[in-house]
């Protein structure tokens, strides 16, 4: 559900030189990188077959509860690389609008949590210059335990009072060495009202994250399954 506590770290002020598209940079636990954008021609690994492509809606409400700072969708796409067979996790903010003031709302970043819930996977991160969207990343970082991936955007403009179109993010591309996934990640979206300085955030679940080849049944479910098998076995013995 929507929360308003906490403040996303402000973007690091940097002067970035123009660069040609390159391969994604490795983002290790505790690391910080400054992506410059990539394409399939420069880095073919993220290209392949789409195995999941979901839209998850979000909304961040103002403290009064009468308006929304931002409404929109997160495109949650998982691709199996045609070159490596591993999974690439792609996230994009799209279809955004606001019922609040015109010309004042910016989305500043996102954070993907629970990323290491099922293993500490390698990650190479960049944003896609050859996909849909308008704004890319200024920086990407990973918590020391590898569980949280944080992305700071070149601020994304959200039109107010239902004006359209708003800007959208380019795809954030996360290459991994995982071959399976599960939709148990949690994504937090951060923004700011430039007019008042009010910062806001909202979180949604059900986002794809990497996992090991097989996830064992939780203990209660495993016991239930064992009980059902035992019951069937006993019934069959009773019929003899």
C-alpha atoms as a PDB file:
ATOM      1  CA  UNK A   1       0.000   0.000   0.000  1.00  0.00           C
ATOM      2  CA  UNK A   2       1.006   3.639  -0.271  1.00  0.00           C
ATOM      3  CA  UNK A   3       3.454   5.083   2.212  1.00  0.00           C
ATOM      4  CA  UNK A   4       4.930   8.528   2.672  1.00  0.00           C
ATOM      5  CA  UNK A   5       7.753   7.778   5.084  1.00  0.00           C
ATOM      6  CA  UNK A   6      11.411   7.862   4.195  1.00  0.00           C
ATOM      7  CA  UNK A   7      13.307   9.901   1.647  1.00  0.00           C
ATOM      8  CA  UNK A   8      15.045   8.475  -1.373  1.00  0.00           C
ATOM      9  CA  UNK A   9      18.675   9.588  -1.603  1.00  0.00           C
ATOM     10  CA  UNK A  10      19.060  12.580  -3.868  1.00  0.00           C
ATOM     11  CA  UNK A  11      20.763  12.124  -7.202  1.00  0.00           C
ATOM     12  CA  UNK A  12      24.509  12.526  -7.139  1.00  0.00           C
ATOM     13  CA  UNK A  13      25.527  15.631  -9.039  1.00  0.00           C
ATOM     14  CA  UNK A  14      27.863  14.604 -11.807  1.00  0.00           C
ATOM     15  CA  UNK A  15      29.120  15.924 -15.106  1.00  0.00           C
ATOM     16  CA  UNK A  16      28.858  12.996 -17.510  1.00  0.00           C
ATOM     17  CA  UNK A  17      30.586  13.037 -20.855  1.00  0.00           C
ATOM     18  CA  UNK A  18      28.675  11.863 -23.904  1.00  0.00           C
ATOM     19  CA  UNK A  19      29.523   8.230 -24.609  1.00  0.00           C
ATOM     20  CA  UNK A  20      28.710   5.638 -27.208  1.00  0.00           C
ATOM     21  CA  UNK A  21      26.442   2.758 -26.143  1.00  0.00           C
ATOM     22  CA  UNK A  22      28.424   0.124 -24.266  1.00  0.00           C
ATOM     23  CA  UNK A  23      27.946  -3.149 -22.449  1.00  0.00           C
ATOM     24  CA  UNK A  24      26.256  -3.176 -19.054  1.00  0.00           C
ATOM     25  CA  UNK A  25      28.523  -2.655 -16.042  1.00  0.00           C
ATOM     26  CA  UNK A  26      28.750  -5.196 -13.221  1.00  0.00           C
ATOM     27  CA  UNK A  27      26.986  -4.082 -10.048  1.00  0.00           C
ATOM     28  CA  UNK A  28      28.432  -5.942  -7.071  1.00  0.00           C
ATOM     29  CA  UNK A  29      27.009  -5.893  -3.517  1.00  0.00           C
ATOM     30  CA  UNK A  30      27.932  -2.561  -1.964  1.00  0.00           C
ATOM     31  CA  UNK A  31      28.730  -1.148  -5.413  1.00  0.00           C
ATOM     32  CA  UNK A  32      27.809   2.047  -7.258  1.00  0.00           C
ATOM     33  CA  UNK A  33      27.896   2.547 -11.039  1.00  0.00           C
ATOM     34  CA  UNK A  34      26.937   5.281 -13.501  1.00  0.00           C
ATOM     35  CA  UNK A  35      25.263   3.681 -16.554  1.00  0.00           C
ATOM     36  CA  UNK A  36      25.556   5.384 -19.928  1.00  0.00           C
ATOM     37  CA  UNK A  37      22.955   3.346 -21.847  1.00  0.00           C
ATOM     38  CA  UNK A  38      23.263   0.412 -24.192  1.00  0.00           C
ATOM     39  CA  UNK A  39      21.682  -1.206 -27.260  1.00  0.00           C
ATOM     40  CA  UNK A  40      21.327  -4.715 -28.631  1.00  0.00           C
ATOM     41  CA  UNK A  41      24.060  -3.934 -31.148  1.00  0.00           C
ATOM     42  CA  UNK A  42      26.509  -2.925 -28.425  1.00  0.00           C
ATOM     43  CA  UNK A  43      25.473  -5.657 -25.980  1.00  0.00           C
ATOM     44  CA  UNK A  44      23.500  -8.571 -27.510  1.00  0.00           C
ATOM     45  CA  UNK A  45      23.168 -10.545 -24.250  1.00  0.00           C
ATOM     46  CA  UNK A  46      19.921  -8.852 -23.059  1.00  0.00           C
ATOM     47  CA  UNK A  47      18.145  -9.700 -26.325  1.00  0.00           C
ATOM     48  CA  UNK A  48      16.131 -12.909 -26.508  1.00  0.00           C
ATOM     49  CA  UNK A  49      12.697 -14.388 -25.882  1.00  0.00           C
ATOM     50  CA  UNK A  50      10.249 -12.617 -23.571  1.00  0.00           C
ATOM     51  CA  UNK A  51       9.091 -15.081 -20.912  1.00  0.00           C
ATOM     52  CA  UNK A  52       7.069 -12.599 -18.841  1.00  0.00           C
ATOM     53  CA  UNK A  53       5.709  -9.144 -19.618  1.00  0.00           C
ATOM     54  CA  UNK A  54       3.370  -7.832 -16.889  1.00  0.00           C
ATOM     55  CA  UNK A  55       1.966  -4.425 -16.020  1.00  0.00           C
ATOM     56  CA  UNK A  56       1.639  -3.566 -12.319  1.00  0.00           C
ATOM     57  CA  UNK A  57      -0.235  -0.372 -11.383  1.00  0.00           C
ATOM     58  CA  UNK A  58       0.901   2.079  -8.712  1.00  0.00           C
ATOM     59  CA  UNK A  59      -0.326   5.276  -7.123  1.00  0.00           C
ATOM     60  CA  UNK A  60       1.254   7.749  -4.686  1.00  0.00           C
ATOM     61  CA  UNK A  61      -1.312   9.861  -2.849  1.00  0.00           C
ATOM     62  CA  UNK A  62      -0.835  13.338  -1.318  1.00  0.00           C
ATOM     63  CA  UNK A  63      -1.120  13.593   2.502  1.00  0.00           C
ATOM     64  CA  UNK A  64      -4.642  15.036   2.298  1.00  0.00           C
ATOM     65  CA  UNK A  65      -5.779  11.968   0.398  1.00  0.00           C
ATOM     66  CA  UNK A  66      -7.621  14.112  -2.149  1.00  0.00           C
ATOM     67  CA  UNK A  67      -5.143  13.888  -5.019  1.00  0.00           C
ATOM     68  CA  UNK A  68      -2.482  11.588  -6.451  1.00  0.00           C
ATOM     69  CA  UNK A  69       1.069  12.788  -6.896  1.00  0.00           C
ATOM     70  CA  UNK A  70       1.469  10.140  -9.588  1.00  0.00           C
ATOM     71  CA  UNK A  71      -0.428   7.247 -11.129  1.00  0.00           C
ATOM     72  CA  UNK A  72       0.983   4.785 -13.615  1.00  0.00           C
ATOM     73  CA  UNK A  73       2.202   1.316 -14.463  1.00  0.00           C
ATOM     74  CA  UNK A  74       5.420  -0.601 -13.963  1.00  0.00           C
ATOM     75  CA  UNK A  75       6.273  -2.809 -16.942  1.00  0.00           C
ATOM     76  CA  UNK A  76       7.868  -5.921 -15.472  1.00  0.00           C
ATOM     77  CA  UNK A  77       9.538  -7.857 -18.290  1.00  0.00           C
ATOM     78  CA  UNK A  78      11.719 -10.956 -18.047  1.00  0.00           C
ATOM     79  CA  UNK A  79      13.822 -12.001 -21.053  1.00  0.00           C
ATOM     80  CA  UNK A  80      15.785 -15.192 -21.563  1.00  0.00           C
ATOM     81  CA  UNK A  81      19.021 -14.221 -23.290  1.00  0.00           C
ATOM     82  CA  UNK A  82      19.496 -15.773 -26.720  1.00  0.00           C
ATOM     83  CA  UNK A  83      23.273 -15.788 -26.203  1.00  0.00           C
ATOM     84  CA  UNK A  84      23.643 -17.014 -22.596  1.00  0.00           C
ATOM     85  CA  UNK A  85      20.303 -18.636 -21.736  1.00  0.00           C
ATOM     86  CA  UNK A  86      20.259 -16.608 -18.498  1.00  0.00           C
ATOM     87  CA  UNK A  87      17.535 -14.197 -17.416  1.00  0.00           C
ATOM     88  CA  UNK A  88      17.480 -10.430 -17.887  1.00  0.00           C
ATOM     89  CA  UNK A  89      15.071  -8.477 -15.672  1.00  0.00           C
ATOM     90  CA  UNK A  90      13.686  -5.275 -17.200  1.00  0.00           C
ATOM     91  CA  UNK A  91      11.693  -2.534 -15.472  1.00  0.00           C
ATOM     92  CA  UNK A  92      10.049   0.537 -16.967  1.00  0.00           C
ATOM     93  CA  UNK A  93       7.745   3.260 -15.576  1.00  0.00           C
ATOM     94  CA  UNK A  94       5.017   4.127 -18.083  1.00  0.00           C
ATOM     95  CA  UNK A  95       1.446   5.427 -18.591  1.00  0.00           C
ATOM     96  CA  UNK A  96       1.911   8.042 -15.877  1.00  0.00           C
ATOM     97  CA  UNK A  97      -0.239  11.005 -14.961  1.00  0.00           C
ATOM     98  CA  UNK A  98      -1.180  13.048 -11.892  1.00  0.00           C
ATOM     99  CA  UNK A  99      -4.414  14.431 -10.445  1.00  0.00           C
ATOM    100  CA  UNK A 100      -2.304  16.997  -8.609  1.00  0.00           C
ATOM    101  CA  UNK A 101      -0.689  20.246  -9.717  1.00  0.00           C
ATOM    102  CA  UNK A 102       0.442  20.703 -13.278  1.00  0.00           C
ATOM    103  CA  UNK A 103       4.129  20.902 -14.130  1.00  0.00           C
ATOM    104  CA  UNK A 104       5.569  20.127 -10.684  1.00  0.00           C
ATOM    105  CA  UNK A 105       5.852  16.360 -10.169  1.00  0.00           C
ATOM    106  CA  UNK A 106       9.048  14.429 -10.905  1.00  0.00           C
ATOM    107  CA  UNK A 107       9.856  10.747 -10.440  1.00  0.00           C
ATOM    108  CA  UNK A 108      13.422  10.501  -9.156  1.00  0.00           C
ATOM    109  CA  UNK A 109      14.144   6.808  -8.675  1.00  0.00           C
ATOM    110  CA  UNK A 110      13.125   3.254  -7.869  1.00  0.00           C
ATOM    111  CA  UNK A 111      14.371   0.564  -5.504  1.00  0.00           C
ATOM    112  CA  UNK A 112      13.928  -3.187  -6.055  1.00  0.00           C
ATOM    113  CA  UNK A 113      13.873  -5.148  -2.799  1.00  0.00           C
ATOM    114  CA  UNK A 114      14.074  -8.883  -2.000  1.00  0.00           C
ATOM    115  CA  UNK A 115      16.422  -9.295  -4.958  1.00  0.00           C
ATOM    116  CA  UNK A 116      18.673 -11.704  -3.057  1.00  0.00           C
ATOM    117  CA  UNK A 117      15.849 -13.570  -1.310  1.00  0.00           C
ATOM    118  CA  UNK A 118      16.668 -16.767  -3.252  1.00  0.00           C
ATOM    119  CA  UNK A 119      20.376 -16.409  -3.862  1.00  0.00           C
ATOM    120  CA  UNK A 120      23.142 -13.891  -4.443  1.00  0.00           C
ATOM    121  CA  UNK A 121      23.137 -13.633  -8.239  1.00  0.00           C
ATOM    122  CA  UNK A 122      25.523 -11.660 -10.428  1.00  0.00           C
ATOM    123  CA  UNK A 123      24.058  -8.466 -11.870  1.00  0.00           C
ATOM    124  CA  UNK A 124      25.092  -6.301 -14.815  1.00  0.00           C
ATOM    125  CA  UNK A 125      23.033  -3.108 -15.040  1.00  0.00           C
ATOM    126  CA  UNK A 126      22.313  -0.510 -17.719  1.00  0.00           C
ATOM    127  CA  UNK A 127      19.354   1.144 -19.417  1.00  0.00           C
ATOM    128  CA  UNK A 128      18.112   0.472 -22.951  1.00  0.00           C
ATOM    129  CA  UNK A 129      18.583   3.239 -25.495  1.00  0.00           C
ATOM    130  CA  UNK A 130      16.838   1.185 -28.189  1.00  0.00           C
ATOM    131  CA  UNK A 131      13.557   0.657 -26.307  1.00  0.00           C
ATOM    132  CA  UNK A 132      10.505   2.727 -25.444  1.00  0.00           C
ATOM    133  CA  UNK A 133      10.723   5.635 -23.020  1.00  0.00           C
ATOM    134  CA  UNK A 134      12.351   9.015 -22.483  1.00  0.00           C
ATOM    135  CA  UNK A 135      14.643   9.107 -19.426  1.00  0.00           C
ATOM    136  CA  UNK A 136      17.532   6.872 -18.382  1.00  0.00           C
ATOM    137  CA  UNK A 137      19.600   6.362 -15.243  1.00  0.00           C
ATOM    138  CA  UNK A 138      22.057   8.636 -13.507  1.00  0.00           C
ATOM    139  CA  UNK A 139      23.294   5.945 -11.139  1.00  0.00           C
ATOM    140  CA  UNK A 140      22.653   2.425  -9.852  1.00  0.00           C
ATOM    141  CA  UNK A 141      23.718   0.967  -6.509  1.00  0.00           C
ATOM    142  CA  UNK A 142      23.367  -2.291  -4.587  1.00  0.00           C
ATOM    143  CA  UNK A 143      23.162  -2.825  -0.845  1.00  0.00           C
ATOM    144  CA  UNK A 144      26.007  -4.630   0.898  1.00  0.00           C
ATOM    145  CA  UNK A 145      23.929  -7.782   1.331  1.00  0.00           C
ATOM    146  CA  UNK A 146      22.941  -7.677  -2.361  1.00  0.00           C
ATOM    147  CA  UNK A 147      19.226  -7.576  -1.537  1.00  0.00           C
ATOM    148  CA  UNK A 148      18.329  -4.031  -2.679  1.00  0.00           C
ATOM    149  CA  UNK A 149      18.997  -2.483  -6.078  1.00  0.00           C
ATOM    150  CA  UNK A 150      18.569   1.299  -6.169  1.00  0.00           C
ATOM    151  CA  UNK A 151      18.284   3.341  -9.362  1.00  0.00           C
ATOM    152  CA  UNK A 152      18.397   7.132  -9.665  1.00  0.00           C
ATOM    153  CA  UNK A 153      16.732   8.495 -12.800  1.00  0.00           C
ATOM    154  CA  UNK A 154      17.333  11.561 -14.823  1.00  0.00           C
ATOM    155  CA  UNK A 155      14.133  13.089 -13.327  1.00  0.00           C
ATOM    156  CA  UNK A 156      10.958  11.999 -15.144  1.00  0.00           C
ATOM    157  CA  UNK A 157       8.372  14.745 -15.700  1.00  0.00           C
ATOM    158  CA  UNK A 158       4.757  13.863 -14.782  1.00  0.00           C
ATOM    159  CA  UNK A 159       1.994  15.982 -16.296  1.00  0.00           C
ATOM    160  CA  UNK A 160      -0.525  17.300 -13.769  1.00  0.00           C
ATOM    161  CA  UNK A 161      -4.306  17.574 -13.787  1.00  0.00           C
ATOM    162  CA  UNK A 162      -4.632  14.668 -16.238  1.00  0.00           C
ATOM    163  CA  UNK A 163      -2.574  16.426 -18.892  1.00  0.00           C
ATOM    164  CA  UNK A 164      -0.860  14.039 -21.293  1.00  0.00           C
ATOM    165  CA  UNK A 165       1.573  12.849 -22.313  1.00  0.00           C
ATOM    166  CA  UNK A 166       3.955  12.475 -19.402  1.00  0.00           C
ATOM    167  CA  UNK A 167       7.521  11.313 -19.774  1.00  0.00           C
ATOM    168  CA  UNK A 168       8.358   7.647 -19.208  1.00  0.00           C
ATOM    169  CA  UNK A 169      11.492   5.828 -18.175  1.00  0.00           C
ATOM    170  CA  UNK A 170      13.616   3.781 -20.507  1.00  0.00           C
ATOM    171  CA  UNK A 171      13.920   0.102 -19.605  1.00  0.00           C
ATOM    172  CA  UNK A 172      16.276  -0.583 -16.707  1.00  0.00           C
ATOM    173  CA  UNK A 173      18.086  -3.787 -17.744  1.00  0.00           C
ATOM    174  CA  UNK A 174      19.429  -6.184 -15.082  1.00  0.00           C
ATOM    175  CA  UNK A 175      21.431  -9.074 -16.548  1.00  0.00           C
ATOM    176  CA  UNK A 176      21.869 -12.017 -14.167  1.00  0.00           C
ATOM    177  CA  UNK A 177      23.286 -15.544 -14.118  1.00  0.00           C
ATOM    178  CA  UNK A 178      19.903 -16.900 -12.969  1.00  0.00           C
ATOM    179  CA  UNK A 179      17.808 -19.292 -15.059  1.00  0.00           C
ATOM    180  CA  UNK A 180      14.565 -19.098 -13.041  1.00  0.00           C
ATOM    181  CA  UNK A 181      12.473 -16.353 -11.518  1.00  0.00           C
ATOM    182  CA  UNK A 182       9.662 -15.785  -9.051  1.00  0.00           C
ATOM    183  CA  UNK A 183       7.329 -12.784  -8.677  1.00  0.00           C
ATOM    184  CA  UNK A 184       8.177 -11.927  -5.080  1.00  0.00           C
ATOM    185  CA  UNK A 185      10.174  -8.725  -5.447  1.00  0.00           C
ATOM    186  CA  UNK A 186       8.998  -5.395  -4.053  1.00  0.00           C
ATOM    187  CA  UNK A 187       9.457  -2.159  -5.982  1.00  0.00           C
ATOM    188  CA  UNK A 188       9.432   1.276  -4.345  1.00  0.00           C
ATOM    189  CA  UNK A 189       8.977   4.360  -6.520  1.00  0.00           C
ATOM    190  CA  UNK A 190      10.284   7.741  -5.333  1.00  0.00           C
ATOM    191  CA  UNK A 191       9.328  11.241  -6.418  1.00  0.00           C
ATOM    192  CA  UNK A 192       9.225  14.891  -5.455  1.00  0.00           C
ATOM    193  CA  UNK A 193       6.908  17.871  -5.785  1.00  0.00           C
ATOM    194  CA  UNK A 194       9.333  20.481  -7.067  1.00  0.00           C
ATOM    195  CA  UNK A 195       7.043  23.335  -6.045  1.00  0.00           C
ATOM    196  CA  UNK A 196       6.745  22.409  -2.364  1.00  0.00           C
ATOM    197  CA  UNK A 197       9.783  20.167  -1.939  1.00  0.00           C
ATOM    198  CA  UNK A 198       7.518  17.389  -0.622  1.00  0.00           C
ATOM    199  CA  UNK A 199       9.005  13.951  -1.254  1.00  0.00           C
ATOM    200  CA  UNK A 200       6.833  10.886  -1.659  1.00  0.00           C
ATOM    201  CA  UNK A 201       7.077   7.167  -2.271  1.00  0.00           C
ATOM    202  CA  UNK A 202       4.853   4.178  -2.930  1.00  0.00           C
ATOM    203  CA  UNK A 203       5.552   0.439  -3.056  1.00  0.00           C
ATOM    204  CA  UNK A 204       4.109  -2.491  -4.984  1.00  0.00           C
ATOM    205  CA  UNK A 205       4.787  -6.229  -4.792  1.00  0.00           C
ATOM    206  CA  UNK A 206       4.728  -9.064  -7.280  1.00  0.00           C
ATOM    207  CA  UNK A 207       7.851  -7.970  -9.185  1.00  0.00           C
ATOM    208  CA  UNK A 208      10.086 -10.571 -10.857  1.00  0.00           C
ATOM    209  CA  UNK A 209      13.348 -11.484  -9.086  1.00  0.00           C
ATOM    210  CA  UNK A 210      15.905 -14.254  -9.751  1.00  0.00           C
ATOM    211  CA  UNK A 211      15.671 -17.573  -7.970  1.00  0.00           C
ATOM    212  CA  UNK A 212      17.334 -20.959  -7.762  1.00  0.00           C
ATOM    213  CA  UNK A 213      16.206 -23.749 -10.077  1.00  0.00           C
ATOM    214  CA  UNK A 214      13.600 -25.084  -7.651  1.00  0.00           C
ATOM    215  CA  UNK A 215      11.957 -23.454  -4.645  1.00  0.00           C
ATOM    216  CA  UNK A 216      10.985 -25.978  -1.934  1.00  0.00           C
ATOM    217  CA  UNK A 217       7.453 -25.931  -0.608  1.00  0.00           C
ATOM    218  CA  UNK A 218       7.024 -23.846   2.576  1.00  0.00           C
ATOM    219  CA  UNK A 219       6.864 -26.001   5.682  1.00  0.00           C
ATOM    220  CA  UNK A 220       3.043 -25.821   6.164  1.00  0.00           C
ATOM    221  CA  UNK A 221       2.412 -26.638   2.510  1.00  0.00           C
ATOM    222  CA  UNK A 222       4.931 -29.477   2.637  1.00  0.00           C
ATOM    223  CA  UNK A 223       3.267 -30.968   5.721  1.00  0.00           C
ATOM    224  CA  UNK A 224      -0.144 -30.677   4.092  1.00  0.00           C
ATOM    225  CA  UNK A 225       1.117 -32.476   0.990  1.00  0.00           C
ATOM    226  CA  UNK A 226       2.672 -35.224   3.137  1.00  0.00           C
ATOM    227  CA  UNK A 227      -0.582 -35.595   5.074  1.00  0.00           C
ATOM    228  CA  UNK A 228      -2.644 -35.916   1.890  1.00  0.00           C
ATOM    229  CA  UNK A 229      -0.300 -38.586   0.510  1.00  0.00           C
ATOM    230  CA  UNK A 230      -0.431 -40.488   3.800  1.00  0.00           C
ATOM    231  CA  UNK A 231      -4.232 -40.346   3.846  1.00  0.00           C
ATOM    232  CA  UNK A 232      -4.470 -41.768   0.334  1.00  0.00           C
ATOM    233  CA  UNK A 233      -2.012 -44.539   1.260  1.00  0.00           C
ATOM    234  CA  UNK A 234      -3.995 -45.473   4.390  1.00  0.00           C
ATOM    235  CA  UNK A 235      -7.283 -45.503   2.516  1.00  0.00           C
ATOM    236  CA  UNK A 236      -5.851 -47.817  -0.076  1.00  0.00           C
ATOM    237  CA  UNK A 237      -4.578 -50.179   2.627  1.00  0.00           C
ATOM    238  CA  UNK A 238      -7.991 -50.153   4.279  1.00  0.00           C
ATOM    239  CA  UNK A 239      -9.632 -51.363   1.084  1.00  0.00           C
ATOM    240  CA  UNK A 240      -7.477 -54.482   0.899  1.00  0.00           C
END
